[in-house]
Amino acid sequence: MSVLIVAEHLRDELRPITLELVSAAQELEGPVAVAVIAKDPSALADAVDVEGVNEILSVKVDPEEFENDVYQQALEQLIEQREPQVTFLGFTVNSMGYGPAVAAKLGLGFASDVFSIDGTAGGLVATRAFYGSKVQAEVEFPGHDRVMLLLRPTAWPPAEGAGSAVKEEGSVSSSCSRARHKEFVDVATGDVDITTADFLLSIGRGVGDKENLPQFEGLAGKMGAILSVSRPRAGNLRRCTAPRRHEDERHDHRGQLGSRGGHLQRGPLRSSGGSLRSSRGTREALLAWKRARRSRG
């Protein structure tokens, strides 16, 4: 199946979800094109030239940062011009601002918050969760020869390896946008920001009294995790503590879903140090389990 991916970037940096979409696209075993929609797409083209990408489309637009009307107009034209069988976007705040509108206007099959795909049975099947992630269901798209999926961040590992994609200029026209990007406002965070954590150990009412909290703090420390507390429990404890991490640690911003399906965006936390992946082994084990689960169908 042919796949068109829309690269997501923020402040001139490619977001990790883009390379995760490339990994997902490789499971469909068809040609993969990545569209870089930006004021200066060439600055990001090399970042998406990884193994598995066949073509990179540089699409020049006027705004320096994301504006949903501009992306909607550009993607509509790209889909009409290229007719990909599947279009991948990240399940992020930005993509939700224009992806569903494009799917509705063009009559595409559509599913969001997808964390598994299967194209081996003659048609595309997407797996997503319902009812607060208590139920998982497979979604098919009968009667649709073109489908758009918004994929859950971190559900696939980022694609790696040097690529040799063909680079082309994409031609689209856009009218005036109803929205304007004015500025970024960084949200103040406390001692620990769970949205930048690689690995969370979450506890709730089941832990009982606050006197039981230290044992979970110790467990989180041994696991290399950040301890997080549900809102009701945090209200009872009136504090949320977590094991400290090394001050030179650097995190990549990653997409994360909240308890009600909302998407939490985050940017990179940078420092002068290198990268500390205290839970690397655990993360690799989880990714291997996900791949094995998908292969079993």
Protein backbone atom coordinates (compact mmCIF):
# COMPACT_ATOMS: atom_id res chain seq x y z
CA MET A 1 0.00 0.00 0.00
CA SER A 2 1.31 3.43 -0.89
CA VAL A 3 1.69 5.73 2.11
CA LEU A 4 1.89 9.51 2.43
CA ILE A 5 3.25 10.84 5.73
CA VAL A 6 3.00 14.46 6.85
CA ALA A 7 6.10 15.41 8.82
CA GLU A 8 5.49 17.22 12.09
CA HIS A 9 7.96 19.80 13.30
CA LEU A 10 8.14 22.45 15.97
CA ARG A 11 10.53 25.40 16.20
CA ASP A 12 12.56 24.14 13.26
CA GLU A 13 13.03 20.69 14.78
CA LEU A 14 11.52 17.44 13.53
CA ARG A 15 9.29 15.80 16.12
CA PRO A 16 9.94 12.11 16.90
CA ILE A 17 6.43 11.09 15.83
CA THR A 18 7.46 11.62 12.19
CA LEU A 19 10.06 8.86 12.26
CA GLU A 20 7.65 6.63 14.17
CA LEU A 21 5.18 7.03 11.31
CA VAL A 22 7.90 5.86 8.92
CA SER A 23 8.33 2.67 10.97
CA ALA A 24 4.60 2.06 10.85
CA ALA A 25 4.48 2.66 7.09
CA GLN A 26 7.13 -0.01 6.49
CA GLU A 27 4.69 -2.63 7.81
CA LEU A 28 2.47 -1.98 4.78
CA GLU A 29 5.35 -2.84 2.41
CA GLY A 30 4.62 -0.12 -0.15
CA PRO A 31 6.26 3.09 -1.33
CA VAL A 32 6.53 5.75 1.37
CA ALA A 33 6.52 9.48 0.68
CA VAL A 34 7.06 12.11 3.38
CA ALA A 35 5.68 15.62 2.87
CA VAL A 36 7.55 18.38 4.68
CA ILE A 37 5.24 21.39 4.84
CA ALA A 38 7.20 24.41 6.02
CA LYS A 39 8.44 27.86 5.15
CA ASP A 40 11.87 26.29 4.51
CA PRO A 41 11.32 22.55 3.96
CA SER A 42 14.93 22.00 2.91
CA ALA A 43 16.07 22.57 6.49
CA LEU A 44 14.12 19.47 7.58
CA ALA A 45 14.43 17.27 4.50
CA ASP A 46 17.66 15.60 5.61
CA ALA A 47 16.15 14.71 8.99
CA VAL A 48 13.39 12.64 7.36
CA ASP A 49 15.73 10.92 4.89
CA VAL A 50 15.93 7.65 6.78
CA GLU A 51 15.71 4.03 5.74
CA GLY A 52 12.24 3.18 4.50
CA VAL A 53 11.47 6.57 2.91
CA ASN A 54 11.29 6.49 -0.89
CA GLU A 55 10.41 10.10 -1.60
CA ILE A 56 10.54 13.44 0.20
CA LEU A 57 8.21 16.21 -0.92
CA SER A 58 9.23 19.74 0.04
CA VAL A 59 6.11 21.88 0.23
CA LYS A 60 6.75 25.59 0.75
CA VAL A 61 4.16 27.66 2.61
CA ASP A 62 4.23 31.19 4.00
CA PRO A 63 3.77 30.71 7.79
CA GLU A 64 6.91 30.02 9.80
CA GLU A 65 5.03 27.77 12.24
CA PHE A 66 2.05 25.45 12.11
CA GLU A 67 -1.33 26.88 11.08
CA ASN A 68 -4.13 24.35 10.65
CA ASP A 69 -5.82 26.00 7.64
CA VAL A 70 -2.55 26.03 5.70
CA TYR A 71 -1.84 22.36 6.44
CA GLN A 72 -5.40 21.39 5.58
CA GLN A 73 -5.25 23.07 2.18
CA ALA A 74 -1.81 21.63 1.43
CA LEU A 75 -2.73 18.07 2.42
CA GLU A 76 -5.99 18.12 0.46
CA GLN A 77 -4.07 19.01 -2.69
CA LEU A 78 -1.32 16.47 -2.05
CA ILE A 79 -3.83 13.64 -1.62
CA GLU A 80 -5.72 14.66 -4.75
CA GLN A 81 -2.49 14.89 -6.77
CA ARG A 82 -0.78 11.73 -5.54
CA GLU A 83 -3.73 9.52 -4.51
CA PRO A 84 -1.98 7.57 -1.73
CA GLN A 85 -3.85 4.56 -0.44
CA VAL A 86 -3.01 5.50 3.15
CA THR A 87 -2.17 8.84 4.75
CA PHE A 88 -0.43 8.83 8.14
CA LEU A 89 -0.49 11.70 10.63
CA GLY A 90 0.49 11.66 14.27
CA PHE A 91 -2.28 11.63 16.86
CA THR A 92 -1.23 15.05 18.14
CA VAL A 93 -2.90 18.37 18.86
CA ASN A 94 -1.64 19.80 15.57
CA SER A 95 -2.83 16.92 13.40
CA MET A 96 -6.23 16.80 15.09
CA GLY A 97 -6.62 20.42 14.03
CA TYR A 98 -6.75 19.56 10.33
CA GLY A 99 -6.61 15.79 9.69
CA PRO A 100 -10.26 14.95 10.43
CA ALA A 101 -11.40 17.90 8.30
CA VAL A 102 -9.37 16.64 5.33
CA ALA A 103 -10.75 13.10 5.74
CA ALA A 104 -14.33 14.36 5.90
CA LYS A 105 -13.96 16.67 2.90
CA LEU A 106 -12.32 14.05 0.68
CA GLY A 107 -14.45 11.14 1.87
CA LEU A 108 -11.54 9.13 3.29
CA GLY A 109 -11.78 6.25 5.71
CA PHE A 110 -10.62 7.58 9.06
CA ALA A 111 -9.45 6.41 12.49
CA SER A 112 -7.53 8.18 15.23
CA ASP A 113 -5.41 7.02 18.18
CA VAL A 114 -4.34 3.95 16.21
CA PHE A 115 -1.63 1.81 17.82
CA SER A 116 -1.53 -1.21 15.49
CA ILE A 117 -2.09 -1.75 11.77
CA ASP A 118 -2.36 -4.77 9.50
CA GLY A 119 -2.42 -4.71 5.72
CA THR A 120 -1.82 -8.40 5.04
CA ALA A 121 -5.46 -9.53 4.80
CA GLY A 122 -6.23 -7.75 1.53
CA GLY A 123 -7.43 -4.59 3.24
CA LEU A 124 -6.23 -2.24 5.94
CA VAL A 125 -7.18 -3.02 9.54
CA ALA A 126 -6.43 -0.52 12.31
CA THR A 127 -6.53 -1.24 16.03
CA ARG A 128 -7.53 1.47 18.47
CA ALA A 129 -8.99 1.74 21.96
CA PHE A 130 -12.44 2.79 23.13
CA TYR A 131 -14.12 3.57 26.45
CA GLY A 132 -11.08 5.06 28.14
CA SER A 133 -8.78 2.34 26.74
CA LYS A 134 -10.82 -0.38 28.45
CA VAL A 135 -11.75 -1.96 25.09
CA GLN A 136 -9.62 -2.54 22.00
CA ALA A 137 -11.23 -2.97 18.60
CA GLU A 138 -10.15 -3.61 15.02
CA VAL A 139 -11.47 -1.06 12.54
CA GLU A 140 -11.95 -1.84 8.86
CA PHE A 141 -12.79 0.59 6.06
CA PRO A 142 -15.17 -1.07 3.58
CA GLY A 143 -16.01 1.07 0.58
CA HIS A 144 -12.95 3.31 1.00
CA ASP A 145 -9.96 2.96 -1.31
CA ARG A 146 -8.17 5.78 0.54
CA VAL A 147 -7.73 5.94 4.30
CA MET A 148 -6.29 8.41 6.80
CA LEU A 149 -4.95 7.19 10.14
CA LEU A 150 -3.74 9.23 13.09
CA LEU A 151 -1.19 7.03 14.89
CA ARG A 152 -0.53 7.08 18.60
CA PRO A 153 2.91 8.50 19.49
CA THR A 154 5.45 5.98 20.88
CA ALA A 155 3.43 3.00 19.55
CA TRP A 156 6.22 2.37 17.01
CA PRO A 157 9.96 2.87 17.41
CA PRO A 158 11.47 5.72 15.37
CA ALA A 159 12.92 4.68 12.02
CA GLU A 160 16.71 4.73 11.82
CA GLY A 161 19.45 4.31 9.27
CA ALA A 162 20.62 6.45 6.40
CA GLY A 163 18.17 6.80 3.55
CA SER A 164 18.44 7.60 -0.13
CA ALA A 165 15.05 9.11 -0.84
CA VAL A 166 14.28 11.03 -4.01
CA LYS A 167 13.69 14.69 -3.17
CA GLU A 168 11.09 16.66 -5.07
CA GLU A 169 9.30 19.99 -4.82
CA GLY A 170 5.60 19.74 -4.01
CA SER A 171 3.37 22.37 -5.60
CA VAL A 172 0.32 23.56 -3.64
CA SER A 173 -1.61 26.79 -3.40
CA SER A 174 -3.13 28.22 -0.24
CA SER A 175 -5.48 31.03 0.59
CA CYS A 176 -5.47 33.21 3.68
CA SER A 177 -5.51 31.28 6.93
CA ARG A 178 -8.17 32.01 9.53
CA ALA A 179 -5.65 31.39 12.31
CA ARG A 180 -2.32 33.04 12.99
CA HIS A 181 0.58 31.72 15.01
CA LYS A 182 1.75 34.53 17.28
CA GLU A 183 4.15 33.07 19.81
CA PHE A 184 5.09 30.09 21.93
CA VAL A 185 4.36 30.20 25.65
CA ASP A 186 6.31 27.65 27.65
CA VAL A 187 4.34 26.08 30.49
CA ALA A 188 6.02 26.33 33.85
CA THR A 189 6.76 22.94 35.39
CA GLY A 190 7.56 21.87 38.90
CA ASP A 191 10.40 19.75 40.18
CA VAL A 192 9.36 16.81 38.01
CA ASP A 193 7.60 17.02 34.64
CA ILE A 194 6.01 13.65 33.87
CA THR A 195 5.41 14.65 30.24
CA THR A 196 9.16 14.39 29.64
CA ALA A 197 9.53 11.01 31.35
CA ASP A 198 10.53 7.91 29.41
CA PHE A 199 8.99 5.54 31.94
CA LEU A 200 6.23 6.15 34.50
CA LEU A 201 5.18 4.06 37.47
CA SER A 202 1.63 5.24 38.18
CA ILE A 203 -0.28 4.62 41.39
CA GLY A 204 -3.83 5.42 42.49
CA ARG A 205 -6.33 4.79 45.25
CA GLY A 206 -5.39 1.13 45.46
CA VAL A 207 -2.16 1.94 47.32
CA GLY A 208 -4.17 2.83 50.41
CA ASP A 209 -2.86 5.34 52.94
CA LYS A 210 -0.06 7.80 52.26
CA GLU A 211 2.16 5.82 54.64
CA ASN A 212 2.45 3.23 51.85
CA LEU A 213 3.91 5.73 49.41
CA PRO A 214 7.63 5.26 50.28
CA GLN A 215 7.66 1.64 49.11
CA PHE A 216 6.44 2.75 45.67
CA GLU A 217 9.03 5.52 45.61
CA GLY A 218 11.68 2.89 46.25
CA LEU A 219 10.25 0.63 43.55
CA ALA A 220 10.23 3.49 41.03
CA GLY A 221 13.85 4.22 41.87
CA LYS A 222 14.89 0.60 41.26
CA MET A 223 12.96 0.52 37.97
CA GLY A 224 14.45 3.80 36.75
CA ALA A 225 10.95 5.27 36.58
CA ILE A 226 9.26 8.50 37.52
CA LEU A 227 6.54 7.98 40.10
CA SER A 228 3.21 9.53 39.12
CA VAL A 229 0.01 9.74 41.14
CA SER A 230 -3.60 9.85 39.95
CA ARG A 231 -5.55 13.03 40.62
CA PRO A 232 -7.74 11.61 43.44
CA ARG A 233 -4.75 10.10 45.18
CA ALA A 234 -2.66 13.24 44.69
CA GLY A 235 -5.44 15.25 46.30
CA ASN A 236 -5.40 12.98 49.32
CA LEU A 237 -1.64 12.94 49.63
CA ARG A 238 -1.35 16.67 48.92
CA ARG A 239 2.01 16.05 47.34
CA CYS A 240 3.50 14.23 44.40
CA THR A 241 7.04 13.04 44.89
CA ALA A 242 9.33 11.23 42.49
CA PRO A 243 12.89 9.91 42.35
CA ARG A 244 15.38 12.50 41.20
CA ARG A 245 17.13 12.11 37.88
CA HIS A 246 20.61 13.20 37.01
CA GLU A 247 20.76 16.93 36.33
CA ASP A 248 22.59 16.41 33.02
CA GLU A 249 19.85 14.22 31.61
CA ARG A 250 18.31 15.04 28.25
CA HIS A 251 14.87 13.90 27.14
CA ASP A 252 13.43 13.76 23.66
CA HIS A 253 9.91 15.21 23.56
CA ARG A 254 7.47 12.41 23.03
CA GLY A 255 3.69 12.28 22.48
CA GLN A 256 1.69 10.96 25.40
CA LEU A 257 -1.98 10.22 25.89
CA GLY A 258 -3.76 11.31 29.02
CA SER A 259 -6.24 9.19 30.94
CA ARG A 260 -9.17 10.59 28.93
CA GLY A 261 -7.53 10.22 25.52
CA GLY A 262 -6.30 13.82 25.36
CA HIS A 263 -2.90 14.41 23.85
CA LEU A 264 -0.17 16.13 25.80
CA GLN A 265 2.34 17.98 23.65
CA ARG A 266 5.76 18.66 24.91
CA GLY A 267 9.02 20.09 23.75
CA PRO A 268 12.61 18.99 24.36
CA LEU A 269 14.29 19.50 27.71
CA ARG A 270 17.88 20.22 26.77
CA SER A 271 21.05 20.41 28.80
CA SER A 272 24.77 20.43 28.24
CA GLY A 273 25.00 16.74 28.98
CA GLY A 274 24.40 13.66 26.88
CA SER A 275 21.53 11.23 26.91
CA LEU A 276 20.65 9.11 29.91
CA ARG A 277 18.34 6.19 29.20
CA SER A 278 18.07 4.52 32.57
CA SER A 279 15.12 2.43 31.37
CA ARG A 280 16.55 1.51 27.97
CA GLY A 281 16.35 -2.22 28.56
CA THR A 282 12.75 -1.99 29.71
CA ARG A 283 11.77 0.16 26.72
CA GLU A 284 13.41 -2.27 24.28
CA ALA A 285 11.59 -5.18 25.90
CA LEU A 286 8.25 -3.40 25.59
CA LEU A 287 8.89 -2.58 21.91
CA ALA A 288 9.86 -6.19 21.21
CA TRP A 289 6.64 -7.36 22.89
CA LYS A 290 4.57 -4.98 20.75
CA ARG A 291 6.25 -6.17 17.54
CA ALA A 292 5.70 -9.81 18.48
CA ARG A 293 2.06 -9.12 19.31
CA ARG A 294 1.48 -7.44 15.94
CA SER A 295 3.20 -10.27 14.06
CA ARG A 296 0.90 -12.82 15.69
CA GLY A 297 -2.04 -10.82 14.33
